Amino acid sequence: MTIIRTLLLTLALAIGVSACSVMRGQESMREYTSDASITTAVKTSFAKDSTVAATSIGVETLDGIVQLSGFAKSQEEKSRAEMLAKQAKGVKTVRNNIIVRP
Protein backbone atom coordinates (compact mmCIF):
# COMPACT_ATOMS: atom_id res chain seq x y z
CA MET A 1 0.00 0.00 0.00
CA THR A 2 2.82 2.39 0.85
CA ILE A 3 4.55 1.66 -2.46
CA ILE A 4 1.40 2.45 -4.42
CA ARG A 5 0.91 5.74 -2.56
CA THR A 6 4.56 6.66 -3.19
CA LEU A 7 4.23 5.87 -6.90
CA LEU A 8 1.02 7.86 -7.21
CA LEU A 9 2.54 10.81 -5.38
CA THR A 10 5.65 10.67 -7.57
CA LEU A 11 3.51 10.51 -10.71
CA ALA A 12 1.35 13.43 -9.60
CA LEU A 13 4.43 15.49 -8.78
CA ALA A 14 6.02 14.72 -12.16
CA ILE A 15 2.88 15.72 -14.04
CA GLY A 16 2.55 18.89 -11.99
CA VAL A 17 6.15 19.93 -12.62
CA SER A 18 6.03 19.22 -16.35
CA ALA A 19 2.80 21.19 -16.79
CA CYS A 20 3.79 24.00 -14.47
CA SER A 21 5.14 26.38 -17.09
CA VAL A 22 2.14 25.87 -19.37
CA MET A 23 -0.31 26.48 -16.53
CA ARG A 24 1.36 29.79 -15.70
CA GLY A 25 0.89 31.01 -19.27
CA GLN A 26 4.46 30.33 -20.30
CA GLU A 27 5.80 28.38 -23.21
CA SER A 28 4.61 24.92 -24.17
CA MET A 29 7.19 22.17 -24.54
CA ARG A 30 7.12 22.60 -28.33
CA GLU A 31 7.69 26.36 -28.06
CA TYR A 32 10.47 25.82 -25.54
CA THR A 33 12.17 23.33 -27.86
CA SER A 34 11.81 25.70 -30.80
CA ASP A 35 13.27 28.59 -28.78
CA ALA A 36 16.13 26.38 -27.62
CA SER A 37 16.81 25.40 -31.24
CA ILE A 38 16.87 29.05 -32.27
CA THR A 39 19.29 29.93 -29.46
CA THR A 40 21.54 27.03 -30.44
CA ALA A 41 21.48 28.03 -34.11
CA VAL A 42 22.39 31.64 -33.30
CA LYS A 43 25.22 30.63 -30.95
CA THR A 44 26.53 28.19 -33.56
CA SER A 45 26.55 30.89 -36.24
CA PHE A 46 28.47 33.17 -33.85
CA ALA A 47 31.04 30.44 -33.20
CA LYS A 48 31.56 29.92 -36.94
CA ASP A 49 31.98 33.62 -37.67
CA SER A 50 35.43 35.15 -37.21
CA THR A 51 33.97 38.64 -36.64
CA VAL A 52 31.82 37.73 -33.62
CA ALA A 53 33.23 36.75 -30.21
CA ALA A 54 30.72 34.04 -29.35
CA THR A 55 31.79 33.85 -25.72
CA SER A 56 31.19 37.57 -25.12
CA ILE A 57 27.62 37.71 -26.44
CA GLY A 58 24.65 36.14 -24.69
CA VAL A 59 21.63 34.83 -26.59
CA GLU A 60 18.18 34.26 -25.12
CA THR A 61 15.04 33.37 -27.06
CA LEU A 62 11.38 33.57 -26.07
CA ASP A 63 8.54 33.01 -28.54
CA GLY A 64 10.95 33.49 -31.46
CA ILE A 65 12.20 36.82 -30.15
CA VAL A 66 15.98 36.74 -29.78
CA GLN A 67 17.65 39.01 -27.25
CA LEU A 68 21.37 39.65 -27.59
CA SER A 69 23.38 40.94 -24.66
CA GLY A 70 26.98 41.30 -23.63
CA PHE A 71 29.90 43.21 -25.07
CA ALA A 72 31.35 43.75 -28.53
CA LYS A 73 34.71 45.18 -29.50
CA SER A 74 33.24 47.28 -32.32
CA GLN A 75 30.01 48.46 -33.90
CA GLU A 76 30.79 46.09 -36.78
CA GLU A 77 30.78 43.10 -34.40
CA LYS A 78 27.50 44.25 -32.83
CA SER A 79 25.85 44.66 -36.24
CA ARG A 80 27.21 41.34 -37.51
CA ALA A 81 25.83 39.52 -34.45
CA GLU A 82 22.40 41.01 -35.08
CA MET A 83 22.50 40.07 -38.76
CA LEU A 84 23.49 36.48 -37.96
CA ALA A 85 20.72 36.21 -35.37
CA LYS A 86 18.12 37.48 -37.85
CA GLN A 87 19.16 34.77 -40.34
CA ALA A 88 18.42 31.88 -37.97
CA LYS A 89 15.34 29.84 -38.82
CA GLY A 90 12.31 30.71 -36.70
CA VAL A 91 13.49 34.14 -35.54
CA LYS A 92 10.67 36.70 -35.49
CA THR A 93 12.70 39.67 -34.31
CA VAL A 94 16.02 40.50 -32.67
CA ARG A 95 16.55 42.84 -29.73
CA ASN A 96 20.17 43.90 -29.81
CA ASN A 97 21.27 45.00 -26.32
CA ILE A 98 24.97 44.44 -27.01
CA ILE A 99 27.19 47.21 -25.64
CA VAL A 100 30.22 48.29 -27.65
CA ARG A 101 33.22 48.61 -25.37
CA PRO A 102 34.98 51.97 -25.59
PDB file of N, CA and C in Angstrom:
ATOM      1  N   MET A   1       0.819  -1.192   0.000  1.00  0.00           N
ATOM      2  CA  MET A   1       0.000   0.000   0.000  1.00  0.00           C
ATOM      3  C   MET A   1       0.867   1.261   0.000  1.00  0.00           C
ATOM      4  N   THR A   2       1.931   1.243   0.772  1.00  0.00           N
ATOM      5  CA  THR A   2       2.816   2.390   0.846  1.00  0.00           C
ATOM      6  C   THR A   2       3.520   2.612  -0.487  1.00  0.00           C
ATOM      7  N   ILE A   3       3.877   1.552  -1.157  1.00  0.00           N
ATOM      8  CA  ILE A   3       4.552   1.664  -2.457  1.00  0.00           C
ATOM      9  C   ILE A   3       3.619   2.300  -3.482  1.00  0.00           C
ATOM     10  N   ILE A   4       2.367   1.898  -3.478  1.00  0.00           N
ATOM     11  CA  ILE A   4       1.402   2.452  -4.420  1.00  0.00           C
ATOM     12  C   ILE A   4       1.198   3.938  -4.155  1.00  0.00           C
ATOM     13  N   ARG A   5       1.076   4.327  -2.895  1.00  0.00           N
ATOM     14  CA  ARG A   5       0.915   5.739  -2.559  1.00  0.00           C
ATOM     15  C   ARG A   5       2.135   6.538  -3.002  1.00  0.00           C
ATOM     16  N   THR A   6       3.322   5.983  -2.795  1.00  0.00           N
ATOM     17  CA  THR A   6       4.556   6.660  -3.194  1.00  0.00           C
ATOM     18  C   THR A   6       4.606   6.833  -4.711  1.00  0.00           C
ATOM     19  N   LEU A   7       4.244   5.788  -5.438  1.00  0.00           N
ATOM     20  CA  LEU A   7       4.232   5.867  -6.896  1.00  0.00           C
ATOM     21  C   LEU A   7       3.224   6.899  -7.390  1.00  0.00           C
ATOM     22  N   LEU A   8       2.027   6.891  -6.804  1.00  0.00           N
ATOM     23  CA  LEU A   8       1.019   7.857  -7.211  1.00  0.00           C
ATOM     24  C   LEU A   8       1.450   9.290  -6.902  1.00  0.00           C
ATOM     25  N   LEU A   9       2.051   9.492  -5.750  1.00  0.00           N
ATOM     26  CA  LEU A   9       2.544  10.813  -5.380  1.00  0.00           C
ATOM     27  C   LEU A   9       3.649  11.269  -6.321  1.00  0.00           C
ATOM     28  N   THR A  10       4.565  10.357  -6.644  1.00  0.00           N
ATOM     29  CA  THR A  10       5.651  10.673  -7.566  1.00  0.00           C
ATOM     30  C   THR A  10       5.104  11.027  -8.949  1.00  0.00           C
ATOM     31  N   LEU A  11       4.132  10.254  -9.410  1.00  0.00           N
ATOM     32  CA  LEU A  11       3.512  10.508 -10.707  1.00  0.00           C
ATOM     33  C   LEU A  11       2.807  11.865 -10.724  1.00  0.00           C
ATOM     34  N   ALA A  12       2.054  12.154  -9.685  1.00  0.00           N
ATOM     35  CA  ALA A  12       1.346  13.434  -9.602  1.00  0.00           C
ATOM     36  C   ALA A  12       2.332  14.599  -9.579  1.00  0.00           C
ATOM     37  N   LEU A  13       3.412  14.438  -8.858  1.00  0.00           N
ATOM     38  CA  LEU A  13       4.429  15.487  -8.783  1.00  0.00           C
ATOM     39  C   LEU A  13       5.084  15.706 -10.145  1.00  0.00           C
ATOM     40  N   ALA A  14       5.394  14.620 -10.840  1.00  0.00           N
ATOM     41  CA  ALA A  14       6.021  14.718 -12.157  1.00  0.00           C
ATOM     42  C   ALA A  14       5.108  15.416 -13.157  1.00  0.00           C
ATOM     43  N   ILE A  15       3.845  15.093 -13.132  1.00  0.00           N
ATOM     44  CA  ILE A  15       2.881  15.725 -14.039  1.00  0.00           C
ATOM     45  C   ILE A  15       2.744  17.206 -13.694  1.00  0.00           C
ATOM     46  N   GLY A  16       2.679  17.499 -12.427  1.00  0.00           N
ATOM     47  CA  GLY A  16       2.554  18.887 -11.995  1.00  0.00           C
ATOM     48  C   GLY A  16       3.741  19.724 -12.399  1.00  0.00           C
ATOM     49  N   VAL A  17       4.938  19.200 -12.255  1.00  0.00           N
ATOM     50  CA  VAL A  17       6.146  19.934 -12.616  1.00  0.00           C
ATOM     51  C   VAL A  17       6.226  20.130 -14.121  1.00  0.00           C
ATOM     52  N   SER A  18       5.916  19.104 -14.897  1.00  0.00           N
ATOM     53  CA  SER A  18       6.029  19.225 -16.352  1.00  0.00           C
ATOM     54  C   SER A  18       4.996  20.182 -16.925  1.00  0.00           C
ATOM     55  N   ALA A  19       3.846  20.300 -16.295  1.00  0.00           N
ATOM     56  CA  ALA A  19       2.797  21.187 -16.794  1.00  0.00           C
ATOM     57  C   ALA A  19       2.860  22.566 -16.172  1.00  0.00           C
ATOM     58  N   CYS A  20       3.732  22.752 -15.233  1.00  0.00           N
ATOM     59  CA  CYS A  20       3.794  23.996 -14.468  1.00  0.00           C
ATOM     60  C   CYS A  20       3.960  25.220 -15.347  1.00  0.00           C
ATOM     61  N   SER A  21       4.894  25.197 -16.269  1.00  0.00           N
ATOM     62  CA  SER A  21       5.145  26.384 -17.090  1.00  0.00           C
ATOM     63  C   SER A  21       3.960  26.678 -17.999  1.00  0.00           C
ATOM     64  N   VAL A  22       3.282  25.656 -18.491  1.00  0.00           N
ATOM     65  CA  VAL A  22       2.143  25.873 -19.369  1.00  0.00           C
ATOM     66  C   VAL A  22       0.983  26.460 -18.574  1.00  0.00           C
ATOM     67  N   MET A  23       0.789  25.997 -17.359  1.00  0.00           N
ATOM     68  CA  MET A  23      -0.310  26.477 -16.529  1.00  0.00           C
ATOM     69  C   MET A  23      -0.121  27.944 -16.151  1.00  0.00           C
ATOM     70  N   ARG A  24       1.100  28.405 -16.053  1.00  0.00           N
ATOM     71  CA  ARG A  24       1.358  29.793 -15.698  1.00  0.00           C
ATOM     72  C   ARG A  24       1.364  30.697 -16.916  1.00  0.00           C
ATOM     73  N   GLY A  25       0.951  30.189 -18.070  1.00  0.00           N
ATOM     74  CA  GLY A  25       0.890  31.011 -19.266  1.00  0.00           C
ATOM     75  C   GLY A  25       2.224  31.141 -19.965  1.00  0.00           C
ATOM     76  N   GLN A  26       3.163  30.275 -19.648  1.00  0.00           N
ATOM     77  CA  GLN A  26       4.465  30.332 -20.296  1.00  0.00           C
ATOM     78  C   GLN A  26       4.474  29.398 -21.488  1.00  0.00           C
ATOM     79  N   GLU A  27       5.650  29.162 -22.006  1.00  0.00           N
ATOM     80  CA  GLU A  27       5.802  28.376 -23.212  1.00  0.00           C
ATOM     81  C   GLU A  27       5.364  26.924 -23.046  1.00  0.00           C
ATOM     82  N   SER A  28       4.865  26.355 -24.139  1.00  0.00           N
ATOM     83  CA  SER A  28       4.611  24.921 -24.171  1.00  0.00           C
ATOM     84  C   SER A  28       5.944  24.225 -24.423  1.00  0.00           C
ATOM     85  N   MET A  29       5.956  22.921 -24.299  1.00  0.00           N
ATOM     86  CA  MET A  29       7.192  22.173 -24.537  1.00  0.00           C
ATOM     87  C   MET A  29       7.672  22.368 -25.971  1.00  0.00           C
ATOM     88  N   ARG A  30       6.747  22.402 -26.926  1.00  0.00           N
ATOM     89  CA  ARG A  30       7.123  22.599 -28.331  1.00  0.00           C
ATOM     90  C   ARG A  30       7.747  23.979 -28.531  1.00  0.00           C
ATOM     91  N   GLU A  31       7.138  25.019 -27.938  1.00  0.00           N
ATOM     92  CA  GLU A  31       7.689  26.363 -28.057  1.00  0.00           C
ATOM     93  C   GLU A  31       9.051  26.452 -27.402  1.00  0.00           C
ATOM     94  N   TYR A  32       9.194  25.799 -26.242  1.00  0.00           N
ATOM     95  CA  TYR A  32      10.471  25.820 -25.542  1.00  0.00           C
ATOM     96  C   TYR A  32      11.545  25.168 -26.397  1.00  0.00           C
ATOM     97  N   THR A  33      11.214  24.031 -27.009  1.00  0.00           N
ATOM     98  CA  THR A  33      12.172  23.330 -27.861  1.00  0.00           C
ATOM     99  C   THR A  33      12.536  24.189 -29.060  1.00  0.00           C
ATOM    100  N   SER A  34      11.551  24.843 -29.651  1.00  0.00           N
ATOM    101  CA  SER A  34      11.810  25.705 -30.797  1.00  0.00           C
ATOM    102  C   SER A  34      12.722  26.863 -30.392  1.00  0.00           C
ATOM    103  N   ASP A  35      12.434  27.486 -29.257  1.00  0.00           N
ATOM    104  CA  ASP A  35      13.269  28.587 -28.781  1.00  0.00           C
ATOM    105  C   ASP A  35      14.686  28.112 -28.481  1.00  0.00           C
ATOM    106  N   ALA A  36      14.804  26.929 -27.900  1.00  0.00           N
ATOM    107  CA  ALA A  36      16.134  26.377 -27.619  1.00  0.00           C
ATOM    108  C   ALA A  36      16.889  26.113 -28.915  1.00  0.00           C
ATOM    109  N   SER A  37      16.184  25.650 -29.932  1.00  0.00           N
ATOM    110  CA  SER A  37      16.807  25.404 -31.238  1.00  0.00           C
ATOM    111  C   SER A  37      17.289  26.706 -31.869  1.00  0.00           C
ATOM    112  N   ILE A  38      16.481  27.747 -31.735  1.00  0.00           N
ATOM    113  CA  ILE A  38      16.871  29.051 -32.272  1.00  0.00           C
ATOM    114  C   ILE A  38      18.124  29.550 -31.565  1.00  0.00           C
ATOM    115  N   THR A  39      18.131  29.482 -30.237  1.00  0.00           N
ATOM    116  CA  THR A  39      19.290  29.928 -29.462  1.00  0.00           C
ATOM    117  C   THR A  39      20.535  29.166 -29.873  1.00  0.00           C
ATOM    118  N   THR A  40      20.411  27.861 -30.027  1.00  0.00           N
ATOM    119  CA  THR A  40      21.543  27.032 -30.439  1.00  0.00           C
ATOM    120  C   THR A  40      22.029  27.421 -31.831  1.00  0.00           C
ATOM    121  N   ALA A  41      21.102  27.652 -32.748  1.00  0.00           N
ATOM    122  CA  ALA A  41      21.480  28.030 -34.115  1.00  0.00           C
ATOM    123  C   ALA A  41      22.216  29.368 -34.131  1.00  0.00           C
ATOM    124  N   VAL A  42      21.736  30.328 -33.340  1.00  0.00           N
ATOM    125  CA  VAL A  42      22.388  31.643 -33.299  1.00  0.00           C
ATOM    126  C   VAL A  42      23.787  31.521 -32.703  1.00  0.00           C
ATOM    127  N   LYS A  43      23.906  30.802 -31.591  1.00  0.00           N
ATOM    128  CA  LYS A  43      25.215  30.626 -30.953  1.00  0.00           C
ATOM    129  C   LYS A  43      26.188  29.899 -31.879  1.00  0.00           C
ATOM    130  N   THR A  44      25.693  28.924 -32.618  1.00  0.00           N
ATOM    131  CA  THR A  44      26.531  28.189 -33.563  1.00  0.00           C
ATOM    132  C   THR A  44      27.027  29.106 -34.681  1.00  0.00           C
ATOM    133  N   SER A  45      26.127  29.966 -35.183  1.00  0.00           N
ATOM    134  CA  SER A  45      26.555  30.887 -36.243  1.00  0.00           C
ATOM    135  C   SER A  45      27.580  31.889 -35.717  1.00  0.00           C
ATOM    136  N   PHE A  46      27.461  32.283 -34.449  1.00  0.00           N
ATOM    137  CA  PHE A  46      28.467  33.165 -33.848  1.00  0.00           C
ATOM    138  C   PHE A  46      29.814  32.455 -33.777  1.00  0.00           C
ATOM    139  N   ALA A  47      29.795  31.204 -33.354  1.00  0.00           N
ATOM    140  CA  ALA A  47      31.036  30.443 -33.198  1.00  0.00           C
ATOM    141  C   ALA A  47      31.745  30.234 -34.536  1.00  0.00           C
ATOM    142  N   LYS A  48      30.979  30.128 -35.611  1.00  0.00           N
ATOM    143  CA  LYS A  48      31.562  29.919 -36.938  1.00  0.00           C
ATOM    144  C   LYS A  48      32.063  31.203 -37.589  1.00  0.00           C
ATOM    145  N   ASP A  49      31.633  32.333 -37.070  1.00  0.00           N
ATOM    146  CA  ASP A  49      31.978  33.624 -37.672  1.00  0.00           C
ATOM    147  C   ASP A  49      33.208  34.217 -36.991  1.00  0.00           C
ATOM    148  N   SER A  50      34.188  34.615 -37.780  1.00  0.00           N
ATOM    149  CA  SER A  50      35.429  35.154 -37.211  1.00  0.00           C
ATOM    150  C   SER A  50      35.272  36.584 -36.688  1.00  0.00           C
ATOM    151  N   THR A  51      34.193  37.259 -37.071  1.00  0.00           N
ATOM    152  CA  THR A  51      33.969  38.641 -36.644  1.00  0.00           C
ATOM    153  C   THR A  51      33.350  38.729 -35.247  1.00  0.00           C
ATOM    154  N   VAL A  52      32.585  37.699 -34.857  1.00  0.00           N
ATOM    155  CA  VAL A  52      31.816  37.731 -33.618  1.00  0.00           C
ATOM    156  C   VAL A  52      32.487  36.886 -32.538  1.00  0.00           C
ATOM    157  N   ALA A  53      32.688  37.478 -31.368  1.00  0.00           N
ATOM    158  CA  ALA A  53      33.231  36.751 -30.210  1.00  0.00           C
ATOM    159  C   ALA A  53      32.068  36.050 -29.509  1.00  0.00           C
ATOM    160  N   ALA A  54      31.872  34.792 -29.845  1.00  0.00           N
ATOM    161  CA  ALA A  54      30.716  34.043 -29.354  1.00  0.00           C
ATOM    162  C   ALA A  54      30.653  33.965 -27.832  1.00  0.00           C
ATOM    163  N   THR A  55      31.787  33.972 -27.178  1.00  0.00           N
ATOM    164  CA  THR A  55      31.789  33.848 -25.718  1.00  0.00           C
ATOM    165  C   THR A  55      31.460  35.159 -25.013  1.00  0.00           C
ATOM    166  N   SER A  56      31.458  36.265 -25.725  1.00  0.00           N
ATOM    167  CA  SER A  56      31.188  37.567 -25.118  1.00  0.00           C
ATOM    168  C   SER A  56      29.743  38.029 -25.314  1.00  0.00           C
ATOM    169  N   ILE A  57      28.995  37.295 -26.125  1.00  0.00           N
ATOM    170  CA  ILE A  57      27.624  37.707 -26.440  1.00  0.00           C
ATOM    171  C   ILE A  57      26.644  36.635 -25.997  1.00  0.00           C
ATOM    172  N   GLY A  58      25.684  37.050 -25.174  1.00  0.00           N
ATOM    173  CA  GLY A  58      24.648  36.140 -24.690  1.00  0.00           C
ATOM    174  C   GLY A  58      23.457  36.140 -25.630  1.00  0.00           C
ATOM    175  N   VAL A  59      22.797  34.983 -25.723  1.00  0.00           N
ATOM    176  CA  VAL A  59      21.631  34.830 -26.589  1.00  0.00           C
ATOM    177  C   VAL A  59      20.514  34.187 -25.783  1.00  0.00           C
ATOM    178  N   GLU A  60      19.368  34.828 -25.754  1.00  0.00           N
ATOM    179  CA  GLU A  60      18.179  34.255 -25.119  1.00  0.00           C
ATOM    180  C   GLU A  60      17.020  34.392 -26.083  1.00  0.00           C
ATOM    181  N   THR A  61      16.157  33.371 -26.122  1.00  0.00           N
ATOM    182  CA  THR A  61      15.037  33.373 -27.059  1.00  0.00           C
ATOM    183  C   THR A  61      13.744  33.054 -26.325  1.00  0.00           C
ATOM    184  N   LEU A  62      12.709  33.817 -26.625  1.00  0.00           N
ATOM    185  CA  LEU A  62      11.381  33.569 -26.072  1.00  0.00           C
ATOM    186  C   LEU A  62      10.358  33.871 -27.152  1.00  0.00           C
ATOM    187  N   ASP A  63       9.566  32.876 -27.498  1.00  0.00           N
ATOM    188  CA  ASP A  63       8.540  33.013 -28.542  1.00  0.00           C
ATOM    189  C   ASP A  63       9.117  33.527 -29.859  1.00  0.00           C
ATOM    190  N   GLY A  64      10.321  33.095 -30.198  1.00  0.00           N
ATOM    191  CA  GLY A  64      10.947  33.488 -31.462  1.00  0.00           C
ATOM    192  C   GLY A  64      11.612  34.845 -31.434  1.00  0.00           C
ATOM    193  N   ILE A  65      11.541  35.522 -30.301  1.00  0.00           N
ATOM    194  CA  ILE A  65      12.200  36.823 -30.153  1.00  0.00           C
ATOM    195  C   ILE A  65      13.565  36.586 -29.519  1.00  0.00           C
ATOM    196  N   VAL A  66      14.618  36.956 -30.234  1.00  0.00           N
ATOM    197  CA  VAL A  66      15.983  36.739 -29.777  1.00  0.00           C
ATOM    198  C   VAL A  66      16.497  38.019 -29.126  1.00  0.00           C
ATOM    199  N   GLN A  67      17.037  37.869 -27.932  1.00  0.00           N
ATOM    200  CA  GLN A  67      17.647  39.010 -27.252  1.00  0.00           C
ATOM    201  C   GLN A  67      19.139  38.762 -27.143  1.00  0.00           C
ATOM    202  N   LEU A  68      19.912  39.711 -27.654  1.00  0.00           N
ATOM    203  CA  LEU A  68      21.367  39.646 -27.595  1.00  0.00           C
ATOM    204  C   LEU A  68      21.847  40.575 -26.491  1.00  0.00           C
ATOM    205  N   SER A  69      22.814  40.114 -25.718  1.00  0.00           N
ATOM    206  CA  SER A  69      23.378  40.941 -24.655  1.00  0.00           C
ATOM    207  C   SER A  69      24.865  40.651 -24.548  1.00  0.00           C
ATOM    208  N   GLY A  70      25.557  41.494 -23.807  1.00  0.00           N
ATOM    209  CA  GLY A  70      26.982  41.302 -23.628  1.00  0.00           C
ATOM    210  C   GLY A  70      27.762  42.455 -24.227  1.00  0.00           C
ATOM    211  N   PHE A  71      28.995  42.156 -24.610  1.00  0.00           N
ATOM    212  CA  PHE A  71      29.897  43.214 -25.070  1.00  0.00           C
ATOM    213  C   PHE A  71      30.514  42.862 -26.414  1.00  0.00           C
ATOM    214  N   ALA A  72      30.681  43.891 -27.238  1.00  0.00           N
ATOM    215  CA  ALA A  72      31.347  43.749 -28.531  1.00  0.00           C
ATOM    216  C   ALA A  72      32.532  44.699 -28.563  1.00  0.00           C
ATOM    217  N   LYS A  73      33.510  44.352 -29.374  1.00  0.00           N
ATOM    218  CA  LYS A  73      34.711  45.184 -29.502  1.00  0.00           C
ATOM    219  C   LYS A  73      34.504  46.350 -30.463  1.00  0.00           C
ATOM    220  N   SER A  74      33.476  46.234 -31.325  1.00  0.00           N
ATOM    221  CA  SER A  74      33.236  47.280 -32.323  1.00  0.00           C
ATOM    222  C   SER A  74      31.769  47.293 -32.725  1.00  0.00           C
ATOM    223  N   GLN A  75      31.374  48.365 -33.371  1.00  0.00           N
ATOM    224  CA  GLN A  75      30.012  48.462 -33.902  1.00  0.00           C
ATOM    225  C   GLN A  75      29.805  47.413 -34.991  1.00  0.00           C
ATOM    226  N   GLU A  76      30.860  47.122 -35.736  1.00  0.00           N
ATOM    227  CA  GLU A  76      30.794  46.092 -36.780  1.00  0.00           C
ATOM    228  C   GLU A  76      30.437  44.727 -36.175  1.00  0.00           C
ATOM    229  N   GLU A  77      31.069  44.376 -35.059  1.00  0.00           N
ATOM    230  CA  GLU A  77      30.778  43.097 -34.405  1.00  0.00           C
ATOM    231  C   GLU A  77      29.336  43.064 -33.903  1.00  0.00           C
ATOM    232  N   LYS A  78      28.881  44.161 -33.324  1.00  0.00           N
ATOM    233  CA  LYS A  78      27.497  44.249 -32.829  1.00  0.00           C
ATOM    234  C   LYS A  78      26.510  44.059 -33.976  1.00  0.00           C
ATOM    235  N   SER A  79      26.737  44.752 -35.082  1.00  0.00           N
ATOM    236  CA  SER A  79      25.854  44.660 -36.244  1.00  0.00           C
ATOM    237  C   SER A  79      25.884  43.275 -36.870  1.00  0.00           C
ATOM    238  N   ARG A  80      27.068  42.683 -36.941  1.00  0.00           N
ATOM    239  CA  ARG A  80      27.210  41.335 -37.510  1.00  0.00           C
ATOM    240  C   ARG A  80      26.457  40.309 -36.664  1.00  0.00           C
ATOM    241  N   ALA A  81      26.547  40.434 -35.349  1.00  0.00           N
ATOM    242  CA  ALA A  81      25.834  39.515 -34.447  1.00  0.00           C
ATOM    243  C   ALA A  81      24.321  39.612 -34.680  1.00  0.00           C
ATOM    244  N   GLU A  82      23.832  40.821 -34.824  1.00  0.00           N
ATOM    245  CA  GLU A  82      22.399  41.014 -35.079  1.00  0.00           C
ATOM    246  C   GLU A  82      21.993  40.399 -36.415  1.00  0.00           C
ATOM    247  N   MET A  83      22.803  40.622 -37.441  1.00  0.00           N
ATOM    248  CA  MET A  83      22.504  40.075 -38.760  1.00  0.00           C
ATOM    249  C   MET A  83      22.465  38.536 -38.725  1.00  0.00           C
ATOM    250  N   LEU A  84      23.453  37.935 -38.064  1.00  0.00           N
ATOM    251  CA  LEU A  84      23.491  36.475 -37.964  1.00  0.00           C
ATOM    252  C   LEU A  84      22.276  35.945 -37.206  1.00  0.00           C
ATOM    253  N   ALA A  85      21.893  36.633 -36.140  1.00  0.00           N
ATOM    254  CA  ALA A  85      20.725  36.208 -35.367  1.00  0.00           C
ATOM    255  C   ALA A  85      19.455  36.276 -36.209  1.00  0.00           C
ATOM    256  N   LYS A  86      19.308  37.317 -37.005  1.00  0.00           N
ATOM    257  CA  LYS A  86      18.121  37.477 -37.854  1.00  0.00           C
ATOM    258  C   LYS A  86      18.017  36.382 -38.905  1.00  0.00           C
ATOM    259  N   GLN A  87      19.152  35.803 -39.307  1.00  0.00           N
ATOM    260  CA  GLN A  87      19.164  34.770 -40.343  1.00  0.00           C
ATOM    261  C   GLN A  87      18.769  33.387 -39.825  1.00  0.00           C
ATOM    262  N   ALA A  88      18.757  33.200 -38.523  1.00  0.00           N
ATOM    263  CA  ALA A  88      18.425  31.879 -37.967  1.00  0.00           C
ATOM    264  C   ALA A  88      16.955  31.553 -38.216  1.00  0.00           C
ATOM    265  N   LYS A  89      16.693  30.307 -38.535  1.00  0.00           N
ATOM    266  CA  LYS A  89      15.343  29.844 -38.822  1.00  0.00           C
ATOM    267  C   LYS A  89      14.460  29.996 -37.585  1.00  0.00           C
ATOM    268  N   GLY A  90      13.277  30.582 -37.775  1.00  0.00           N
ATOM    269  CA  GLY A  90      12.309  30.707 -36.696  1.00  0.00           C
ATOM    270  C   GLY A  90      12.361  32.025 -35.939  1.00  0.00           C
ATOM    271  N   VAL A  91      13.347  32.861 -36.243  1.00  0.00           N
ATOM    272  CA  VAL A  91      13.488  34.142 -35.545  1.00  0.00           C
ATOM    273  C   VAL A  91      12.437  35.128 -36.051  1.00  0.00           C
ATOM    274  N   LYS A  92      11.670  35.699 -35.131  1.00  0.00           N
ATOM    275  CA  LYS A  92      10.665  36.703 -35.485  1.00  0.00           C
ATOM    276  C   LYS A  92      11.274  38.100 -35.465  1.00  0.00           C
ATOM    277  N   THR A  93      12.045  38.370 -34.438  1.00  0.00           N
ATOM    278  CA  THR A  93      12.698  39.670 -34.308  1.00  0.00           C
ATOM    279  C   THR A  93      13.914  39.534 -33.404  1.00  0.00           C
ATOM    280  N   VAL A  94      14.800  40.519 -33.486  1.00  0.00           N
ATOM    281  CA  VAL A  94      16.017  40.504 -32.665  1.00  0.00           C
ATOM    282  C   VAL A  94      16.080  41.806 -31.876  1.00  0.00           C
ATOM    283  N   ARG A  95      16.314  41.677 -30.594  1.00  0.00           N
ATOM    284  CA  ARG A  95      16.553  42.839 -29.730  1.00  0.00           C
ATOM    285  C   ARG A  95      18.035  42.858 -29.417  1.00  0.00           C
ATOM    286  N   ASN A  96      18.720  43.844 -29.944  1.00  0.00           N
ATOM    287  CA  ASN A  96      20.171  43.900 -29.811  1.00  0.00           C
ATOM    288  C   ASN A  96      20.555  44.830 -28.663  1.00  0.00           C
ATOM    289  N   ASN A  97      20.855  44.244 -27.511  1.00  0.00           N
ATOM    290  CA  ASN A  97      21.269  45.002 -26.323  1.00  0.00           C
ATOM    291  C   ASN A  97      22.773  44.880 -26.067  1.00  0.00           C
ATOM    292  N   ILE A  98      23.515  44.573 -27.123  1.00  0.00           N
ATOM    293  CA  ILE A  98      24.966  44.444 -27.005  1.00  0.00           C
ATOM    294  C   ILE A  98      25.559  45.841 -26.812  1.00  0.00           C
ATOM    295  N   ILE A  99      26.501  45.941 -25.906  1.00  0.00           N
ATOM    296  CA  ILE A  99      27.186  47.205 -25.639  1.00  0.00           C
ATOM    297  C   ILE A  99      28.568  47.147 -26.287  1.00  0.00           C
ATOM    298  N   VAL A 100      28.893  48.198 -27.041  1.00  0.00           N
ATOM    299  CA  VAL A 100      30.217  48.291 -27.647  1.00  0.00           C
ATOM    300  C   VAL A 100      31.150  48.879 -26.615  1.00  0.00           C
ATOM    301  N   ARG A 101      32.221  48.135 -26.347  1.00  0.00           N
ATOM    302  CA  ARG A 101      33.217  48.611 -25.367  1.00  0.00           C
ATOM    303  C   ARG A 101      33.983  49.787 -25.940  1.00  0.00           C
ATOM    304  N   PRO A 102      34.212  50.807 -25.103  1.00  0.00           N
ATOM    305  CA  PRO A 102      34.979  51.969 -25.588  1.00  0.00           C
ATOM    306  C   PRO A 102      36.450  51.630 -25.772  1.00  0.00           C
TER     307      PRO A 102
END
